[in-house]
PDB file of N, CA and C in Angstrom:
ATOM      1  N   MET A   1    -136.061 -95.946 113.626  1.00  0.00           N
ATOM      2  CA  MET A   1    -134.695 -96.399 113.523  1.00  0.00           C
ATOM      3  C   MET A   1    -134.097 -95.896 112.215  1.00  0.00           C
ATOM      4  N   SER A   2    -132.808 -95.677 112.280  1.00  0.00           N
ATOM      5  CA  SER A   2    -132.075 -95.136 111.139  1.00  0.00           C
ATOM      6  C   SER A   2    -130.921 -96.073 110.801  1.00  0.00           C
ATOM      7  N   TRP A   3    -131.202 -97.089 110.018  1.00  0.00           N
ATOM      8  CA  TRP A   3    -130.237 -98.148 109.757  1.00  0.00           C
ATOM      9  C   TRP A   3    -129.276 -97.772 108.638  1.00  0.00           C
ATOM     10  N   SER A   4    -128.009 -98.092 108.840  1.00  0.00           N
ATOM     11  CA  SER A   4    -126.966 -97.881 107.826  1.00  0.00           C
ATOM     12  C   SER A   4    -126.252 -99.203 107.599  1.00  0.00           C
ATOM     13  N   THR A   5    -125.898 -99.460 106.351  1.00  0.00           N
ATOM     14  CA  THR A   5    -125.144-100.669 106.034  1.00  0.00           C
ATOM     15  C   THR A   5    -123.757-100.569 106.653  1.00  0.00           C
ATOM     16  N   ALA A   6    -123.352-101.630 107.352  1.00  0.00           N
ATOM     17  CA  ALA A   6    -122.036-101.656 107.998  1.00  0.00           C
ATOM     18  C   ALA A   6    -121.060-102.540 107.229  1.00  0.00           C
ATOM     19  N   CYS A   7    -121.494-103.736 106.849  1.00  0.00           N
ATOM     20  CA  CYS A   7    -120.626-104.665 106.126  1.00  0.00           C
ATOM     21  C   CYS A   7    -121.444-105.845 105.646  1.00  0.00           C
ATOM     22  N   ALA A   8    -120.798-106.693 104.882  1.00  0.00           N
ATOM     23  CA  ALA A   8    -121.402-107.971 104.517  1.00  0.00           C
ATOM     24  C   ALA A   8    -121.189-108.946 105.669  1.00  0.00           C
ATOM     25  N   LEU A   9    -122.163-109.772 105.931  1.00  0.00           N
ATOM     26  CA  LEU A   9    -122.076-110.735 107.022  1.00  0.00           C
ATOM     27  C   LEU A   9    -120.850-111.643 106.862  1.00  0.00           C
ATOM     28  N   ALA A  10    -120.504-111.961 105.633  1.00  0.00           N
ATOM     29  CA  ALA A  10    -119.358-112.845 105.361  1.00  0.00           C
ATOM     30  C   ALA A  10    -118.024-112.226 105.783  1.00  0.00           C
ATOM     31  N   GLU A  11    -117.981-110.907 105.987  1.00  0.00           N
ATOM     32  CA  GLU A  11    -116.743-110.241 106.416  1.00  0.00           C
ATOM     33  C   GLU A  11    -116.435-110.491 107.886  1.00  0.00           C
ATOM     34  N   LEU A  12    -117.429-110.910 108.660  1.00  0.00           N
ATOM     35  CA  LEU A  12    -117.227-111.109 110.095  1.00  0.00           C
ATOM     36  C   LEU A  12    -116.698-112.506 110.380  1.00  0.00           C
ATOM     37  N   GLU A  13    -115.624-112.554 111.152  1.00  0.00           N
ATOM     38  CA  GLU A  13    -115.079-113.822 111.628  1.00  0.00           C
ATOM     39  C   GLU A  13    -115.392-113.926 113.116  1.00  0.00           C
ATOM     40  N   GLU A  14    -115.769-115.104 113.560  1.00  0.00           N
ATOM     41  CA  GLU A  14    -116.118-115.323 114.962  1.00  0.00           C
ATOM     42  C   GLU A  14    -115.009-114.844 115.894  1.00  0.00           C
ATOM     43  N   ASP A  15    -115.390-114.035 116.879  1.00  0.00           N
ATOM     44  CA  ASP A  15    -114.489-113.533 117.929  1.00  0.00           C
ATOM     45  C   ASP A  15    -113.337-112.669 117.404  1.00  0.00           C
ATOM     46  N   THR A  16    -113.497-112.096 116.224  1.00  0.00           N
ATOM     47  CA  THR A  16    -112.478-111.212 115.647  1.00  0.00           C
ATOM     48  C   THR A  16    -113.120-109.867 115.323  1.00  0.00           C
ATOM     49  N   PRO A  17    -112.775-108.805 116.048  1.00  0.00           N
ATOM     50  CA  PRO A  17    -113.378-107.500 115.778  1.00  0.00           C
ATOM     51  C   PRO A  17    -113.054-107.005 114.369  1.00  0.00           C
ATOM     52  N   LEU A  18    -114.037-106.355 113.758  1.00  0.00           N
ATOM     53  CA  LEU A  18    -113.873-105.747 112.449  1.00  0.00           C
ATOM     54  C   LEU A  18    -114.201-104.268 112.577  1.00  0.00           C
ATOM     55  N   SER A  19    -113.255-103.409 112.224  1.00  0.00           N
ATOM     56  CA  SER A  19    -113.485-101.966 112.260  1.00  0.00           C
ATOM     57  C   SER A  19    -114.077-101.530 110.925  1.00  0.00           C
ATOM     58  N   VAL A  20    -115.210-100.838 110.989  1.00  0.00           N
ATOM     59  CA  VAL A  20    -115.871-100.328 109.786  1.00  0.00           C
ATOM     60  C   VAL A  20    -116.267 -98.876 110.017  1.00  0.00           C
ATOM     61  N   GLU A  21    -116.296 -98.133 108.943  1.00  0.00           N
ATOM     62  CA  GLU A  21    -116.769 -96.748 109.022  1.00  0.00           C
ATOM     63  C   GLU A  21    -118.240 -96.735 108.636  1.00  0.00           C
ATOM     64  N   VAL A  22    -119.058 -96.248 109.545  1.00  0.00           N
ATOM     65  CA  VAL A  22    -120.488 -96.114 109.309  1.00  0.00           C
ATOM     66  C   VAL A  22    -120.787 -94.623 109.429  1.00  0.00           C
ATOM     67  N   GLY A  23    -121.110 -93.995 108.317  1.00  0.00           N
ATOM     68  CA  GLY A  23    -121.241 -92.542 108.330  1.00  0.00           C
ATOM     69  C   GLY A  23    -119.896 -91.943 108.679  1.00  0.00           C
ATOM     70  N   ASP A  24    -119.853 -91.119 109.716  1.00  0.00           N
ATOM     71  CA  ASP A  24    -118.614 -90.485 110.156  1.00  0.00           C
ATOM     72  C   ASP A  24    -118.017 -91.168 111.380  1.00  0.00           C
ATOM     73  N   GLU A  25    -118.512 -92.346 111.723  1.00  0.00           N
ATOM     74  CA  GLU A  25    -118.115 -93.016 112.960  1.00  0.00           C
ATOM     75  C   GLU A  25    -117.427 -94.354 112.669  1.00  0.00           C
ATOM     76  N   LEU A  26    -116.349 -94.615 113.414  1.00  0.00           N
ATOM     77  CA  LEU A  26    -115.734 -95.939 113.362  1.00  0.00           C
ATOM     78  C   LEU A  26    -116.447 -96.836 114.371  1.00  0.00           C
ATOM     79  N   VAL A  27    -116.858 -98.001 113.914  1.00  0.00           N
ATOM     80  CA  VAL A  27    -117.590 -98.950 114.737  1.00  0.00           C
ATOM     81  C   VAL A  27    -116.863-100.289 114.672  1.00  0.00           C
ATOM     82  N   ALA A  28    -116.728-100.933 115.816  1.00  0.00           N
ATOM     83  CA  ALA A  28    -116.188-102.289 115.860  1.00  0.00           C
ATOM     84  C   ALA A  28    -117.366-103.250 115.855  1.00  0.00           C
ATOM     85  N   LEU A  29    -117.391-104.148 114.881  1.00  0.00           N
ATOM     86  CA  LEU A  29    -118.413-105.188 114.803  1.00  0.00           C
ATOM     87  C   LEU A  29    -117.791-106.490 115.267  1.00  0.00           C
ATOM     88  N   ILE A  30    -118.523-107.205 116.123  1.00  0.00           N
ATOM     89  CA  ILE A  30    -118.012-108.451 116.675  1.00  0.00           C
ATOM     90  C   ILE A  30    -119.094-109.515 116.584  1.00  0.00           C
ATOM     91  N   SER A  31    -118.752-110.637 115.982  1.00  0.00           N
ATOM     92  CA  SER A  31    -119.626-111.800 115.965  1.00  0.00           C
ATOM     93  C   SER A  31    -119.119-112.758 117.040  1.00  0.00           C
ATOM     94  N   THR A  32    -119.942-112.990 118.052  1.00  0.00           N
ATOM     95  CA  THR A  32    -119.568-113.884 119.146  1.00  0.00           C
ATOM     96  C   THR A  32    -120.821-114.408 119.824  1.00  0.00           C
ATOM     97  N   ALA A  33    -120.733-115.575 120.387  1.00  0.00           N
ATOM     98  CA  ALA A  33    -121.828-116.173 121.158  1.00  0.00           C
ATOM     99  C   ALA A  33    -123.140-116.177 120.375  1.00  0.00           C
ATOM    100  N   GLY A  34    -123.062-116.344 119.047  1.00  0.00           N
ATOM    101  CA  GLY A  34    -124.263-116.415 118.226  1.00  0.00           C
ATOM    102  C   GLY A  34    -124.929-115.081 117.943  1.00  0.00           C
ATOM    103  N   GLU A  35    -124.297-113.978 118.292  1.00  0.00           N
ATOM    104  CA  GLU A  35    -124.841-112.647 118.065  1.00  0.00           C
ATOM    105  C   GLU A  35    -123.804-111.767 117.389  1.00  0.00           C
ATOM    106  N   VAL A  36    -124.275-110.646 116.839  1.00  0.00           N
ATOM    107  CA  VAL A  36    -123.378-109.629 116.294  1.00  0.00           C
ATOM    108  C   VAL A  36    -123.581-108.364 117.112  1.00  0.00           C
ATOM    109  N   PHE A  37    -122.479-107.788 117.572  1.00  0.00           N
ATOM    110  CA  PHE A  37    -122.509-106.583 118.392  1.00  0.00           C
ATOM    111  C   PHE A  37    -121.809-105.445 117.666  1.00  0.00           C
ATOM    112  N   ALA A  38    -122.244-104.216 117.963  1.00  0.00           N
ATOM    113  CA  ALA A  38    -121.607-103.013 117.411  1.00  0.00           C
ATOM    114  C   ALA A  38    -121.296-102.073 118.568  1.00  0.00           C
ATOM    115  N   ILE A  39    -120.032-101.654 118.653  1.00  0.00           N
ATOM    116  CA  ILE A  39    -119.575-100.770 119.712  1.00  0.00           C
ATOM    117  C   ILE A  39    -118.676 -99.713 119.083  1.00  0.00           C
ATOM    118  N   ARG A  40    -118.734 -98.478 119.583  1.00  0.00           N
ATOM    119  CA  ARG A  40    -117.847 -97.442 119.045  1.00  0.00           C
ATOM    120  C   ARG A  40    -116.408 -97.950 119.127  1.00  0.00           C
ATOM    121  N   ASP A  41    -115.681 -97.743 118.059  1.00  0.00           N
ATOM    122  CA  ASP A  41    -114.320 -98.283 117.973  1.00  0.00           C
ATOM    123  C   ASP A  41    -113.310 -97.313 118.584  1.00  0.00           C
ATOM    124  N   GLU A  42    -113.583 -96.949 119.843  1.00  0.00           N
ATOM    125  CA  GLU A  42    -112.664 -96.063 120.560  1.00  0.00           C
ATOM    126  C   GLU A  42    -112.828 -96.279 122.056  1.00  0.00           C
ATOM    127  N   CYS A  43    -111.739 -96.623 122.715  1.00  0.00           N
ATOM    128  CA  CYS A  43    -111.749 -96.806 124.161  1.00  0.00           C
ATOM    129  C   CYS A  43    -112.066 -95.477 124.835  1.00  0.00           C
ATOM    130  N   SER A  44    -112.907 -95.529 125.848  1.00  0.00           N
ATOM    131  CA  SER A  44    -113.275 -94.300 126.560  1.00  0.00           C
ATOM    132  C   SER A  44    -112.155 -93.810 127.478  1.00  0.00           C
ATOM    133  N   HIS A  45    -111.136 -94.616 127.667  1.00  0.00           N
ATOM    134  CA  HIS A  45    -110.019 -94.214 128.509  1.00  0.00           C
ATOM    135  C   HIS A  45    -108.842 -93.686 127.695  1.00  0.00           C
ATOM    136  N   GLY A  46    -108.433 -94.436 126.694  1.00  0.00           N
ATOM    137  CA  GLY A  46    -107.193 -94.106 126.012  1.00  0.00           C
ATOM    138  C   GLY A  46    -107.313 -93.649 124.583  1.00  0.00           C
ATOM    139  N   GLN A  47    -108.523 -93.501 124.063  1.00  0.00           N
ATOM    140  CA  GLN A  47    -108.750 -93.074 122.688  1.00  0.00           C
ATOM    141  C   GLN A  47    -107.934 -93.901 121.690  1.00  0.00           C
ATOM    142  N   VAL A  48    -107.976 -95.216 121.854  1.00  0.00           N
ATOM    143  CA  VAL A  48    -107.367 -96.141 120.912  1.00  0.00           C
ATOM    144  C   VAL A  48    -108.465 -97.051 120.371  1.00  0.00           C
ATOM    145  N   MET A  49    -108.196 -97.699 119.260  1.00  0.00           N
ATOM    146  CA  MET A  49    -109.194 -98.530 118.604  1.00  0.00           C
ATOM    147  C   MET A  49    -109.439 -99.824 119.384  1.00  0.00           C
ATOM    148  N   LEU A  50    -110.691-100.027 119.794  1.00  0.00           N
ATOM    149  CA  LEU A  50    -111.051-101.255 120.499  1.00  0.00           C
ATOM    150  C   LEU A  50    -110.965-102.470 119.583  1.00  0.00           C
ATOM    151  N   SER A  51    -111.116-102.264 118.283  1.00  0.00           N
ATOM    152  CA  SER A  51    -111.095-103.385 117.342  1.00  0.00           C
ATOM    153  C   SER A  51    -109.733-104.078 117.297  1.00  0.00           C
ATOM    154  N   LEU A  52    -108.717-103.472 117.898  1.00  0.00           N
ATOM    155  CA  LEU A  52    -107.395-104.091 117.960  1.00  0.00           C
ATOM    156  C   LEU A  52    -107.265-105.016 119.165  1.00  0.00           C
ATOM    157  N   GLY A  53    -108.310-105.051 119.992  1.00  0.00           N
ATOM    158  CA  GLY A  53    -108.281-105.852 121.209  1.00  0.00           C
ATOM    159  C   GLY A  53    -108.804-107.261 121.011  1.00  0.00           C
ATOM    160  N   GLU A  54    -108.902-107.988 122.118  1.00  0.00           N
ATOM    161  CA  GLU A  54    -109.329-109.386 122.093  1.00  0.00           C
ATOM    162  C   GLU A  54    -110.740-109.551 122.627  1.00  0.00           C
ATOM    163  N   VAL A  55    -111.466-110.462 121.998  1.00  0.00           N
ATOM    164  CA  VAL A  55    -112.827-110.804 122.398  1.00  0.00           C
ATOM    165  C   VAL A  55    -112.775-112.011 123.325  1.00  0.00           C
ATOM    166  N   ASP A  56    -113.550-111.952 124.404  1.00  0.00           N
ATOM    167  CA  ASP A  56    -113.706-113.081 125.306  1.00  0.00           C
ATOM    168  C   ASP A  56    -115.177-113.144 125.686  1.00  0.00           C
ATOM    169  N   GLY A  57    -115.909-114.067 125.072  1.00  0.00           N
ATOM    170  CA  GLY A  57    -117.354-114.111 125.302  1.00  0.00           C
ATOM    171  C   GLY A  57    -117.982-112.829 124.805  1.00  0.00           C
ATOM    172  N   CYS A  58    -118.741-112.169 125.648  1.00  0.00           N
ATOM    173  CA  CYS A  58    -119.407-110.921 125.275  1.00  0.00           C
ATOM    174  C   CYS A  58    -118.649-109.701 125.796  1.00  0.00           C
ATOM    175  N   THR A  59    -117.312-109.820 125.842  1.00  0.00           N
ATOM    176  CA  THR A  59    -116.491-108.684 126.254  1.00  0.00           C
ATOM    177  C   THR A  59    -115.393-108.440 125.230  1.00  0.00           C
ATOM    178  N   LEU A  60    -114.914-107.200 125.233  1.00  0.00           N
ATOM    179  CA  LEU A  60    -113.827-106.787 124.344  1.00  0.00           C
ATOM    180  C   LEU A  60    -112.796-106.052 125.179  1.00  0.00           C
ATOM    181  N   GLU A  61    -111.543-106.502 125.095  1.00  0.00           N
ATOM    182  CA  GLU A  61    -110.462-105.905 125.878  1.00  0.00           C
ATOM    183  C   GLU A  61    -109.700-104.894 125.037  1.00  0.00           C
ATOM    184  N   CYS A  62    -109.469-103.711 125.598  1.00  0.00           N
ATOM    185  CA  CYS A  62    -108.635-102.704 124.951  1.00  0.00           C
ATOM    186  C   CYS A  62    -107.183-103.162 125.054  1.00  0.00           C
ATOM    187  N   PHE A  63    -106.496-103.188 123.927  1.00  0.00           N
ATOM    188  CA  PHE A  63    -105.120-103.691 123.913  1.00  0.00           C
ATOM    189  C   PHE A  63    -104.155-102.758 124.634  1.00  0.00           C
ATOM    190  N   ALA A  64    -104.464-101.473 124.740  1.00  0.00           N
ATOM    191  CA  ALA A  64    -103.508-100.504 125.278  1.00  0.00           C
ATOM    192  C   ALA A  64    -103.331-100.605 126.795  1.00  0.00           C
ATOM    193  N   HIS A  65    -104.435-100.649 127.529  1.00  0.00           N
ATOM    194  CA  HIS A  65    -104.327-100.628 128.990  1.00  0.00           C
ATOM    195  C   HIS A  65    -105.116-101.730 129.679  1.00  0.00           C
ATOM    196  N   GLY A  66    -105.765-102.615 128.905  1.00  0.00           N
ATOM    197  CA  GLY A  66    -106.420-103.770 129.504  1.00  0.00           C
ATOM    198  C   GLY A  66    -107.838-103.583 129.981  1.00  0.00           C
ATOM    199  N   SER A  67    -108.432-102.409 129.778  1.00  0.00           N
ATOM    200  CA  SER A  67    -109.836-102.262 130.158  1.00  0.00           C
ATOM    201  C   SER A  67    -110.675-103.204 129.313  1.00  0.00           C
ATOM    202  N   ARG A  68    -111.662-103.816 129.930  1.00  0.00           N
ATOM    203  CA  ARG A  68    -112.563-104.741 129.235  1.00  0.00           C
ATOM    204  C   ARG A  68    -113.959-104.124 129.250  1.00  0.00           C
ATOM    205  N   PHE A  69    -114.641-104.191 128.095  1.00  0.00           N
ATOM    206  CA  PHE A  69    -115.975-103.602 127.950  1.00  0.00           C
ATOM    207  C   PHE A  69    -116.992-104.688 127.614  1.00  0.00           C
ATOM    208  N   ASP A  70    -118.190-104.569 128.216  1.00  0.00           N
ATOM    209  CA  ASP A  70    -119.294-105.473 127.920  1.00  0.00           C
ATOM    210  C   ASP A  70    -119.879-105.077 126.570  1.00  0.00           C
ATOM    211  N   LEU A  71    -119.928-106.000 125.627  1.00  0.00           N
ATOM    212  CA  LEU A  71    -120.429-105.701 124.287  1.00  0.00           C
ATOM    213  C   LEU A  71    -121.928-105.431 124.261  1.00  0.00           C
ATOM    214  N   ARG A  72    -122.646-105.869 125.287  1.00  0.00           N
ATOM    215  CA  ARG A  72    -124.098-105.650 125.341  1.00  0.00           C
ATOM    216  C   ARG A  72    -124.447-104.281 125.884  1.00  0.00           C
ATOM    217  N   THR A  73    -123.621-103.763 126.789  1.00  0.00           N
ATOM    218  CA  THR A  73    -123.956-102.508 127.474  1.00  0.00           C
ATOM    219  C   THR A  73    -122.944-101.394 127.251  1.00  0.00           C
ATOM    220  N   GLY A  74    -121.735-101.749 126.836  1.00  0.00           N
ATOM    221  CA  GLY A  74    -120.663-100.771 126.684  1.00  0.00           C
ATOM    222  C   GLY A  74    -119.984-100.413 127.998  1.00  0.00           C
ATOM    223  N   GLU A  75    -120.453-100.991 129.091  1.00  0.00           N
ATOM    224  CA  GLU A  75    -119.903-100.665 130.413  1.00  0.00           C
ATOM    225  C   GLU A  75    -118.491-101.225 130.565  1.00  0.00           C
ATOM    226  N   PRO A  76    -117.596-100.427 131.185  1.00  0.00           N
ATOM    227  CA  PRO A  76    -116.259-100.937 131.476  1.00  0.00           C
ATOM    228  C   PRO A  76    -116.331-101.923 132.632  1.00  0.00           C
ATOM    229  N   LEU A  77    -115.627-103.032 132.496  1.00  0.00           N
ATOM    230  CA  LEU A  77    -115.626-104.062 133.530  1.00  0.00           C
ATOM    231  C   LEU A  77    -114.325-104.074 134.313  1.00  0.00           C
ATOM    232  N   GLU A  78    -113.314-103.368 133.790  1.00  0.00           N
ATOM    233  CA  GLU A  78    -112.017-103.290 134.449  1.00  0.00           C
ATOM    234  C   GLU A  78    -111.432-101.895 134.253  1.00  0.00           C
ATOM    235  N   LEU A  79    -110.676-101.454 135.247  1.00  0.00           N
ATOM    236  CA  LEU A  79    -109.969-100.180 135.157  1.00  0.00           C
ATOM    237  C   LEU A  79    -108.823-100.320 134.164  1.00  0.00           C
ATOM    238  N   PRO A  80    -108.339 -99.245 133.598  1.00  0.00           N
ATOM    239  CA  PRO A  80    -108.530 -97.877 134.037  1.00  0.00           C
ATOM    240  C   PRO A  80    -109.763 -97.172 133.465  1.00  0.00           C
ATOM    241  N   ALA A  81    -110.468 -97.750 132.491  1.00  0.00           N
ATOM    242  CA  ALA A  81    -111.660 -97.091 131.947  1.00  0.00           C
ATOM    243  C   ALA A  81    -112.751 -97.033 133.006  1.00  0.00           C
ATOM    244  N   THR A  82    -113.438 -95.896 133.059  1.00  0.00           N
ATOM    245  CA  THR A  82    -114.541 -95.724 134.004  1.00  0.00           C
ATOM    246  C   THR A  82    -115.830 -95.295 133.299  1.00  0.00           C
ATOM    247  N   ARG A  83    -115.735 -94.911 132.033  1.00  0.00           N
ATOM    248  CA  ARG A  83    -116.909 -94.469 131.278  1.00  0.00           C
ATOM    249  C   ARG A  83    -117.286 -95.513 130.227  1.00  0.00           C
ATOM    250  N   PRO A  84    -118.596 -95.696 130.004  1.00  0.00           N
ATOM    251  CA  PRO A  84    -119.021 -96.653 128.989  1.00  0.00           C
ATOM    252  C   PRO A  84    -118.706 -96.164 127.575  1.00  0.00           C
ATOM    253  N   VAL A  85    -118.719 -97.089 126.648  1.00  0.00           N
ATOM    254  CA  VAL A  85    -118.557 -96.814 125.231  1.00  0.00           C
ATOM    255  C   VAL A  85    -119.920 -97.061 124.583  1.00  0.00           C
ATOM    256  N   PRO A  86    -120.363 -96.198 123.676  1.00  0.00           N
ATOM    257  CA  PRO A  86    -121.666 -96.424 123.046  1.00  0.00           C
ATOM    258  C   PRO A  86    -121.733 -97.758 122.301  1.00  0.00           C
ATOM    259  N   VAL A  87    -122.851 -98.455 122.473  1.00  0.00           N
ATOM    260  CA  VAL A  87    -123.154 -99.666 121.714  1.00  0.00           C
ATOM    261  C   VAL A  87    -124.423 -99.399 120.912  1.00  0.00           C
ATOM    262  N   TYR A  88    -124.526-100.045 119.765  1.00  0.00           N
ATOM    263  CA  TYR A  88    -125.588 -99.730 118.820  1.00  0.00           C
ATOM    264  C   TYR A  88    -126.390-100.963 118.446  1.00  0.00           C
ATOM    265  N   PRO A  89    -127.678-100.750 118.122  1.00  0.00           N
ATOM    266  CA  PRO A  89    -128.488-101.858 117.627  1.00  0.00           C
ATOM    267  C   PRO A  89    -127.930-102.393 116.310  1.00  0.00           C
ATOM    268  N   VAL A  90    -128.047-103.694 116.141  1.00  0.00           N
ATOM    269  CA  VAL A  90    -127.580-104.371 114.928  1.00  0.00           C
ATOM    270  C   VAL A  90    -128.740-105.205 114.390  1.00  0.00           C
ATOM    271  N   LYS A  91    -128.882-105.213 113.071  1.00  0.00           N
ATOM    272  CA  LYS A  91    -129.813-106.153 112.454  1.00  0.00           C
ATOM    273  C   LYS A  91    -129.135-106.743 111.229  1.00  0.00           C
ATOM    274  N   ILE A  92    -129.531-107.964 110.929  1.00  0.00           N
ATOM    275  CA  ILE A  92    -128.991-108.659 109.770  1.00  0.00           C
ATOM    276  C   ILE A  92    -130.152-108.950 108.835  1.00  0.00           C
ATOM    277  N   GLU A  93    -129.992-108.499 107.610  1.00  0.00           N
ATOM    278  CA  GLU A  93    -130.989-108.770 106.577  1.00  0.00           C
ATOM    279  C   GLU A  93    -130.273-109.405 105.405  1.00  0.00           C
ATOM    280  N   GLY A  94    -130.638-110.628 105.116  1.00  0.00           N
ATOM    281  CA  GLY A  94    -129.954-111.348 104.046  1.00  0.00           C
ATOM    282  C   GLY A  94    -128.492-111.532 104.401  1.00  0.00           C
ATOM    283  N   ASP A  95    -127.617-111.008 103.555  1.00  0.00           N
ATOM    284  CA  ASP A  95    -126.176-111.128 103.769  1.00  0.00           C
ATOM    285  C   ASP A  95    -125.547-109.834 104.269  1.00  0.00           C
ATOM    286  N   GLU A  96    -126.369-108.871 104.683  1.00  0.00           N
ATOM    287  CA  GLU A  96    -125.858-107.559 105.097  1.00  0.00           C
ATOM    288  C   GLU A  96    -126.072-107.315 106.588  1.00  0.00           C
ATOM    289  N   VAL A  97    -125.105-106.597 107.190  1.00  0.00           N
ATOM    290  CA  VAL A  97    -125.188-106.192 108.595  1.00  0.00           C
ATOM    291  C   VAL A  97    -125.477-104.698 108.618  1.00  0.00           C
ATOM    292  N   PHE A  98    -126.495-104.300 109.388  1.00  0.00           N
ATOM    293  CA  PHE A  98    -126.887-102.906 109.518  1.00  0.00           C
ATOM    294  C   PHE A  98    -126.730-102.460 110.967  1.00  0.00           C
ATOM    295  N   VAL A  99    -126.377-101.183 111.147  1.00  0.00           N
ATOM    296  CA  VAL A  99    -126.188-100.596 112.478  1.00  0.00           C
ATOM    297  C   VAL A  99    -127.006 -99.304 112.538  1.00  0.00           C
ATOM    298  N   ASP A 100    -127.568 -99.030 113.709  1.00  0.00           N
ATOM    299  CA  ASP A 100    -128.332 -97.807 113.927  1.00  0.00           C
ATOM    300  C   ASP A 100    -127.571 -96.892 114.883  1.00  0.00           C
ATOM    301  N   LEU A 101    -126.791 -95.964 114.324  1.00  0.00           N
ATOM    302  CA  LEU A 101    -125.994 -95.048 115.150  1.00  0.00           C
ATOM    303  C   LEU A 101    -126.848 -94.006 115.865  1.00  0.00           C
ATOM    304  N   ALA A 102    -128.016 -93.727 115.333  1.00  0.00           N
ATOM    305  CA  ALA A 102    -128.857 -92.668 115.903  1.00  0.00           C
ATOM    306  C   ALA A 102    -129.539 -93.093 117.205  1.00  0.00           C
ATOM    307  N   ASN A 103    -129.557 -94.378 117.487  1.00  0.00           N
ATOM    308  CA  ASN A 103    -130.271 -94.870 118.668  1.00  0.00           C
ATOM    309  C   ASN A 103    -129.409 -95.821 119.495  1.00  0.00           C
ATOM    310  N   PRO A 104    -128.338 -95.289 120.126  1.00  0.00           N
ATOM    311  CA  PRO A 104    -127.485 -96.172 120.929  1.00  0.00           C
ATOM    312  C   PRO A 104    -128.283 -96.885 122.013  1.00  0.00           C
ATOM    313  N   LEU A 105    -127.837 -98.082 122.339  1.00  0.00           N
ATOM    314  CA  LEU A 105    -128.511 -98.876 123.379  1.00  0.00           C
ATOM    315  C   LEU A 105    -128.186 -98.380 124.777  1.00  0.00           C
ATOM    316  N   ASN A 106    -127.198 -97.514 124.881  1.00  0.00           N
ATOM    317  CA  ASN A 106    -126.817 -96.941 126.169  1.00  0.00           C
ATOM    318  C   ASN A 106    -126.604 -95.442 125.974  1.00  0.00           C
ATOM    319  N   GLN A 107    -126.441 -94.741 127.034  1.00  0.00           N
ATOM    320  CA  GLN A 107    -126.178 -93.309 126.987  1.00  0.00           C
ATOM    321  C   GLN A 107    -124.731 -93.057 127.320  1.00  0.00           C
ATOM    322  N   GLU A 108    -124.091 -92.180 126.564  1.00  0.00           N
ATOM    323  CA  GLU A 108    -122.703 -91.828 126.849  1.00  0.00           C
ATOM    324  C   GLU A 108    -122.646 -91.059 128.163  1.00  0.00           C
ATOM    325  N   SER A 109    -121.526 -91.226 128.839  1.00  0.00           N
ATOM    326  CA  SER A 109    -121.308 -90.462 130.058  1.00  0.00           C
ATOM    327  C   SER A 109    -120.437 -89.274 129.759  1.00  0.00           C
TER     328      SER A 109
END
């Protein structure tokens, strides 16, 4: 695993996406349902920031066209998006949140 620091745990607010730059990638971090998720901060349909959308349980809705993505798998749950968004492993050590961009939990389409 290739872990990179994403943010301090205190920066995350429950059910509020936080956009962070990890290396050369924008990642949306979401604390919800007792877990922290990391998903590429770009809708696979409209190339807009997912972090501007709303969290509902373990899903994130794109504000532009309403596609909803599963935070665990990156799979689109509603049209118009048809391709998944990469999701990444997250670990918390002390007060820091780490993300592993090199080993996505899903494969891009």
